[in-house]
Amino acid sequence: MTSEMFRLVIFDAILAAVAAIGFAVISNPSRKAIFVSALLAAIGHSLRFFLIKSGLDITLATFVAATAIGLLSVAFARIIHCPAEVFSFPSLLPMIPGMFAYRTILSLIKFMQNTDSKLDQVFIMDFFHNGMTAMFILFALVVGVSLPLLLFPKSSFSVTRKY
């Protein structure tokens, strides 16, 4: 990995951690859980970023990153005595495909406002391409984070928070 790529991965990790802290604070968890959310988001998002830059498809890279977040959240649930969902879901939120969803709606609006029938096919293709990409990324996030939580139910669901 080049120094430029390493710098980009670290920058991506920092931004994802900041976003995860913002999402985690909403549910008022312990400080440890907020730190773990930031750490998992940094690891997951930078892993996804690295895999995409290495040539992997965004959906498969998202699945791998979400699975890594799920596995690490099960491990951290045991360490800090907090349910894994408390920090796994805020860690996933920076990976929501907002740009694809935005482009889906934008292409639908352009299609509806279009008066030139020659561009109809272009707008419809954009609509379906972006919409399906967003759906598959969301599906990869859900399945990726749920698999470890369902494979290790005693480690993820039965842990209670210490006050």
C-alpha atoms as a PDB file:
ATOM      1  CA  MET A   1       0.000   0.000   0.000  1.00  0.00           C
ATOM      2  CA  THR A   2       1.397   3.366  -0.988  1.00  0.00           C
ATOM      3  CA  SER A   3       1.705   6.235   1.437  1.00  0.00           C
ATOM      4  CA  GLU A   4      -1.000   8.164  -0.440  1.00  0.00           C
ATOM      5  CA  MET A   5      -3.402   5.219  -0.168  1.00  0.00           C
ATOM      6  CA  PHE A   6      -2.552   4.792   3.513  1.00  0.00           C
ATOM      7  CA  ARG A   7      -3.261   8.477   4.113  1.00  0.00           C
ATOM      8  CA  LEU A   8      -6.618   8.218   2.323  1.00  0.00           C
ATOM      9  CA  VAL A   9      -7.613   5.131   4.336  1.00  0.00           C
ATOM     10  CA  ILE A  10      -6.748   6.867   7.626  1.00  0.00           C
ATOM     11  CA  PHE A  11      -8.656  10.001   6.596  1.00  0.00           C
ATOM     12  CA  ASP A  12     -11.672   7.853   5.666  1.00  0.00           C
ATOM     13  CA  ALA A  13     -11.481   6.074   9.016  1.00  0.00           C
ATOM     14  CA  ILE A  14     -11.439   9.356  10.934  1.00  0.00           C
ATOM     15  CA  LEU A  15     -14.455  10.722   9.087  1.00  0.00           C
ATOM     16  CA  ALA A  16     -16.397   7.489   9.608  1.00  0.00           C
ATOM     17  CA  ALA A  17     -15.550   7.518  13.324  1.00  0.00           C
ATOM     18  CA  VAL A  18     -16.835  11.083  13.696  1.00  0.00           C
ATOM     19  CA  ALA A  19     -20.083  10.172  11.933  1.00  0.00           C
ATOM     20  CA  ALA A  20     -20.532   7.070  14.095  1.00  0.00           C
ATOM     21  CA  ILE A  21     -20.050   9.102  17.261  1.00  0.00           C
ATOM     22  CA  GLY A  22     -22.832  11.409  16.128  1.00  0.00           C
ATOM     23  CA  PHE A  23     -25.155   8.488  15.434  1.00  0.00           C
ATOM     24  CA  ALA A  24     -24.222   6.657  18.646  1.00  0.00           C
ATOM     25  CA  VAL A  25     -24.823   9.628  20.938  1.00  0.00           C
ATOM     26  CA  ILE A  26     -28.487   9.690  19.910  1.00  0.00           C
ATOM     27  CA  SER A  27     -29.236   6.514  21.881  1.00  0.00           C
ATOM     28  CA  ASN A  28     -27.354   7.669  25.011  1.00  0.00           C
ATOM     29  CA  PRO A  29     -24.999   4.686  25.482  1.00  0.00           C
ATOM     30  CA  SER A  30     -22.043   4.502  27.835  1.00  0.00           C
ATOM     31  CA  ARG A  31     -18.803   6.269  26.908  1.00  0.00           C
ATOM     32  CA  LYS A  32     -17.169   2.927  26.232  1.00  0.00           C
ATOM     33  CA  ALA A  33     -19.894   2.053  23.729  1.00  0.00           C
ATOM     34  CA  ILE A  34     -19.447   5.387  21.954  1.00  0.00           C
ATOM     35  CA  PHE A  35     -15.710   4.748  21.653  1.00  0.00           C
ATOM     36  CA  VAL A  36     -16.327   1.225  20.357  1.00  0.00           C
ATOM     37  CA  SER A  37     -18.857   2.557  17.807  1.00  0.00           C
ATOM     38  CA  ALA A  38     -16.265   5.003  16.529  1.00  0.00           C
ATOM     39  CA  LEU A  39     -13.581   2.313  16.377  1.00  0.00           C
ATOM     40  CA  LEU A  40     -15.820  -0.159  14.543  1.00  0.00           C
ATOM     41  CA  ALA A  41     -16.987   2.479  12.069  1.00  0.00           C
ATOM     42  CA  ALA A  42     -13.384   3.460  11.388  1.00  0.00           C
ATOM     43  CA  ILE A  43     -12.356  -0.155  10.831  1.00  0.00           C
ATOM     44  CA  GLY A  44     -15.398  -1.076   8.749  1.00  0.00           C
ATOM     45  CA  HIS A  45     -15.557   2.003   6.568  1.00  0.00           C
ATOM     46  CA  SER A  46     -11.817   2.095   5.914  1.00  0.00           C
ATOM     47  CA  LEU A  47     -11.884  -1.626   5.092  1.00  0.00           C
ATOM     48  CA  ARG A  48     -14.683  -0.996   2.599  1.00  0.00           C
ATOM     49  CA  PHE A  49     -12.803   1.980   1.153  1.00  0.00           C
ATOM     50  CA  PHE A  50      -9.621  -0.073   0.766  1.00  0.00           C
ATOM     51  CA  LEU A  51     -11.476  -2.972  -0.870  1.00  0.00           C
ATOM     52  CA  ILE A  52     -13.226  -0.663  -3.330  1.00  0.00           C
ATOM     53  CA  LYS A  53      -9.943   1.036  -4.238  1.00  0.00           C
ATOM     54  CA  SER A  54      -8.419  -2.425  -4.704  1.00  0.00           C
ATOM     55  CA  GLY A  55     -11.018  -3.213  -7.367  1.00  0.00           C
ATOM     56  CA  LEU A  56     -13.755  -5.012  -5.446  1.00  0.00           C
ATOM     57  CA  ASP A  57     -17.402  -4.219  -6.173  1.00  0.00           C
ATOM     58  CA  ILE A  58     -19.033  -1.795  -3.705  1.00  0.00           C
ATOM     59  CA  THR A  59     -21.715  -4.307  -2.711  1.00  0.00           C
ATOM     60  CA  LEU A  60     -19.271  -7.103  -1.929  1.00  0.00           C
ATOM     61  CA  ALA A  61     -16.914  -4.677  -0.173  1.00  0.00           C
ATOM     62  CA  THR A  62     -19.838  -3.441   1.927  1.00  0.00           C
ATOM     63  CA  PHE A  63     -20.775  -7.008   2.841  1.00  0.00           C
ATOM     64  CA  VAL A  64     -17.213  -7.801   3.954  1.00  0.00           C
ATOM     65  CA  ALA A  65     -17.005  -4.585   6.001  1.00  0.00           C
ATOM     66  CA  ALA A  66     -20.421  -5.137   7.598  1.00  0.00           C
ATOM     67  CA  THR A  67     -19.465  -8.704   8.504  1.00  0.00           C
ATOM     68  CA  ALA A  68     -16.245  -7.431  10.078  1.00  0.00           C
ATOM     69  CA  ILE A  69     -18.243  -4.902  12.097  1.00  0.00           C
ATOM     70  CA  GLY A  70     -20.641  -7.648  13.170  1.00  0.00           C
ATOM     71  CA  LEU A  71     -17.854  -9.986  14.279  1.00  0.00           C
ATOM     72  CA  LEU A  72     -16.007  -7.253  16.149  1.00  0.00           C
ATOM     73  CA  SER A  73     -19.202  -6.061  17.813  1.00  0.00           C
ATOM     74  CA  VAL A  74     -19.838  -9.541  19.188  1.00  0.00           C
ATOM     75  CA  ALA A  75     -16.309  -9.586  20.605  1.00  0.00           C
ATOM     76  CA  PHE A  76     -16.608  -6.108  22.121  1.00  0.00           C
ATOM     77  CA  ALA A  77     -20.027  -6.965  23.602  1.00  0.00           C
ATOM     78  CA  ARG A  78     -18.326  -9.429  25.904  1.00  0.00           C
ATOM     79  CA  ILE A  79     -15.530  -7.034  26.801  1.00  0.00           C
ATOM     80  CA  ILE A  80     -17.572  -3.972  27.765  1.00  0.00           C
ATOM     81  CA  HIS A  81     -20.736  -5.778  28.910  1.00  0.00           C
ATOM     82  CA  CYS A  82     -23.062  -4.082  26.472  1.00  0.00           C
ATOM     83  CA  PRO A  83     -25.333  -5.575  23.770  1.00  0.00           C
ATOM     84  CA  ALA A  84     -23.597  -5.733  20.411  1.00  0.00           C
ATOM     85  CA  GLU A  85     -26.405  -3.851  18.676  1.00  0.00           C
ATOM     86  CA  VAL A  86     -25.639  -0.721  20.695  1.00  0.00           C
ATOM     87  CA  PHE A  87     -22.446  -0.110  18.780  1.00  0.00           C
ATOM     88  CA  SER A  88     -22.815  -2.228  15.643  1.00  0.00           C
ATOM     89  CA  PHE A  89     -25.696  -0.256  14.146  1.00  0.00           C
ATOM     90  CA  PRO A  90     -24.241   3.247  14.648  1.00  0.00           C
ATOM     91  CA  SER A  91     -21.052   1.885  13.078  1.00  0.00           C
ATOM     92  CA  LEU A  92     -22.955   0.875   9.946  1.00  0.00           C
ATOM     93  CA  LEU A  93     -24.718   4.176   9.390  1.00  0.00           C
ATOM     94  CA  PRO A  94     -21.757   5.926   7.698  1.00  0.00           C
ATOM     95  CA  MET A  95     -21.964   3.220   5.004  1.00  0.00           C
ATOM     96  CA  ILE A  96     -25.593   3.946   4.053  1.00  0.00           C
ATOM     97  CA  PRO A  97     -25.686   4.548   0.276  1.00  0.00           C
ATOM     98  CA  GLY A  98     -26.986   8.109   0.343  1.00  0.00           C
ATOM     99  CA  MET A  99     -25.483   9.175  -2.966  1.00  0.00           C
ATOM    100  CA  PHE A 100     -27.066   6.256  -4.813  1.00  0.00           C
ATOM    101  CA  ALA A 101     -30.450   7.005  -3.235  1.00  0.00           C
ATOM    102  CA  TYR A 102     -30.102  10.684  -4.147  1.00  0.00           C
ATOM    103  CA  ARG A 103     -29.213   9.843  -7.745  1.00  0.00           C
ATOM    104  CA  THR A 104     -32.194   7.466  -7.920  1.00  0.00           C
ATOM    105  CA  ILE A 105     -34.650  10.183  -6.945  1.00  0.00           C
ATOM    106  CA  LEU A 106     -32.901  12.753  -9.139  1.00  0.00           C
ATOM    107  CA  SER A 107     -33.134  10.545 -12.225  1.00  0.00           C
ATOM    108  CA  LEU A 108     -36.819   9.881 -11.495  1.00  0.00           C
ATOM    109  CA  ILE A 109     -37.498  13.613 -11.265  1.00  0.00           C
ATOM    110  CA  LYS A 110     -35.575  14.231 -14.495  1.00  0.00           C
ATOM    111  CA  PHE A 111     -37.590  11.488 -16.192  1.00  0.00           C
ATOM    112  CA  MET A 112     -40.867  13.007 -15.068  1.00  0.00           C
ATOM    113  CA  GLN A 113     -39.865  16.533 -16.154  1.00  0.00           C
ATOM    114  CA  ASN A 114     -38.372  15.400 -19.455  1.00  0.00           C
ATOM    115  CA  THR A 115     -40.027  16.536 -22.679  1.00  0.00           C
ATOM    116  CA  ASP A 116     -37.549  14.835 -25.026  1.00  0.00           C
ATOM    117  CA  SER A 117     -38.467  11.175 -25.453  1.00  0.00           C
ATOM    118  CA  LYS A 118     -34.911  10.364 -26.586  1.00  0.00           C
ATOM    119  CA  LEU A 119     -33.645  10.880 -23.021  1.00  0.00           C
ATOM    120  CA  ASP A 120     -36.345   8.764 -21.355  1.00  0.00           C
ATOM    121  CA  GLN A 121     -34.306   5.588 -21.640  1.00  0.00           C
ATOM    122  CA  VAL A 122     -31.215   7.245 -20.137  1.00  0.00           C
ATOM    123  CA  PHE A 123     -33.155   8.495 -17.098  1.00  0.00           C
ATOM    124  CA  ILE A 124     -34.897   5.156 -16.573  1.00  0.00           C
ATOM    125  CA  MET A 125     -31.588   3.292 -16.802  1.00  0.00           C
ATOM    126  CA  ASP A 126     -30.047   5.674 -14.258  1.00  0.00           C
ATOM    127  CA  PHE A 127     -33.066   5.218 -12.008  1.00  0.00           C
ATOM    128  CA  PHE A 128     -32.821   1.433 -11.999  1.00  0.00           C
ATOM    129  CA  HIS A 129     -29.029   1.295 -11.842  1.00  0.00           C
ATOM    130  CA  ASN A 130     -28.768   3.619  -8.836  1.00  0.00           C
ATOM    131  CA  GLY A 131     -31.865   2.218  -7.137  1.00  0.00           C
ATOM    132  CA  MET A 132     -30.743  -1.387  -7.405  1.00  0.00           C
ATOM    133  CA  THR A 133     -27.223  -0.484  -6.289  1.00  0.00           C
ATOM    134  CA  ALA A 134     -28.629   1.260  -3.197  1.00  0.00           C
ATOM    135  CA  MET A 135     -30.884  -1.708  -2.423  1.00  0.00           C
ATOM    136  CA  PHE A 136     -28.073  -4.237  -2.774  1.00  0.00           C
ATOM    137  CA  ILE A 137     -25.767  -2.163  -0.565  1.00  0.00           C
ATOM    138  CA  LEU A 138     -28.475  -1.941   2.104  1.00  0.00           C
ATOM    139  CA  PHE A 139     -29.048  -5.689   1.800  1.00  0.00           C
ATOM    140  CA  ALA A 140     -25.300  -6.321   2.193  1.00  0.00           C
ATOM    141  CA  LEU A 141     -25.242  -4.125   5.318  1.00  0.00           C
ATOM    142  CA  VAL A 142     -28.173  -5.933   6.911  1.00  0.00           C
ATOM    143  CA  VAL A 143     -27.005  -9.448   6.122  1.00  0.00           C
ATOM    144  CA  GLY A 144     -23.371  -8.718   6.903  1.00  0.00           C
ATOM    145  CA  VAL A 145     -24.002  -7.342  10.379  1.00  0.00           C
ATOM    146  CA  SER A 146     -26.799  -9.805  11.198  1.00  0.00           C
ATOM    147  CA  LEU A 147     -24.898 -12.998  10.429  1.00  0.00           C
ATOM    148  CA  PRO A 148     -22.431 -12.738  13.337  1.00  0.00           C
ATOM    149  CA  LEU A 149     -25.176 -11.569  15.688  1.00  0.00           C
ATOM    150  CA  LEU A 150     -27.309 -14.586  14.773  1.00  0.00           C
ATOM    151  CA  LEU A 151     -24.421 -17.069  14.723  1.00  0.00           C
ATOM    152  CA  PHE A 152     -23.316 -16.056  18.225  1.00  0.00           C
ATOM    153  CA  PRO A 153     -26.583 -15.272  20.052  1.00  0.00           C
ATOM    154  CA  LYS A 154     -25.252 -15.862  23.557  1.00  0.00           C
ATOM    155  CA  SER A 155     -22.411 -13.442  22.980  1.00  0.00           C
ATOM    156  CA  SER A 156     -24.506 -10.721  21.403  1.00  0.00           C
ATOM    157  CA  PHE A 157     -27.964 -10.744  22.978  1.00  0.00           C
ATOM    158  CA  SER A 158     -27.510 -11.987  26.527  1.00  0.00           C
ATOM    159  CA  VAL A 159     -24.983  -9.411  27.686  1.00  0.00           C
ATOM    160  CA  THR A 160     -26.389  -6.734  29.935  1.00  0.00           C
ATOM    161  CA  ARG A 161     -24.952  -3.325  30.631  1.00  0.00           C
ATOM    162  CA  LYS A 162     -23.233  -2.629  33.949  1.00  0.00           C
ATOM    163  CA  TYR A 163     -24.218   0.636  35.593  1.00  0.00           C
END
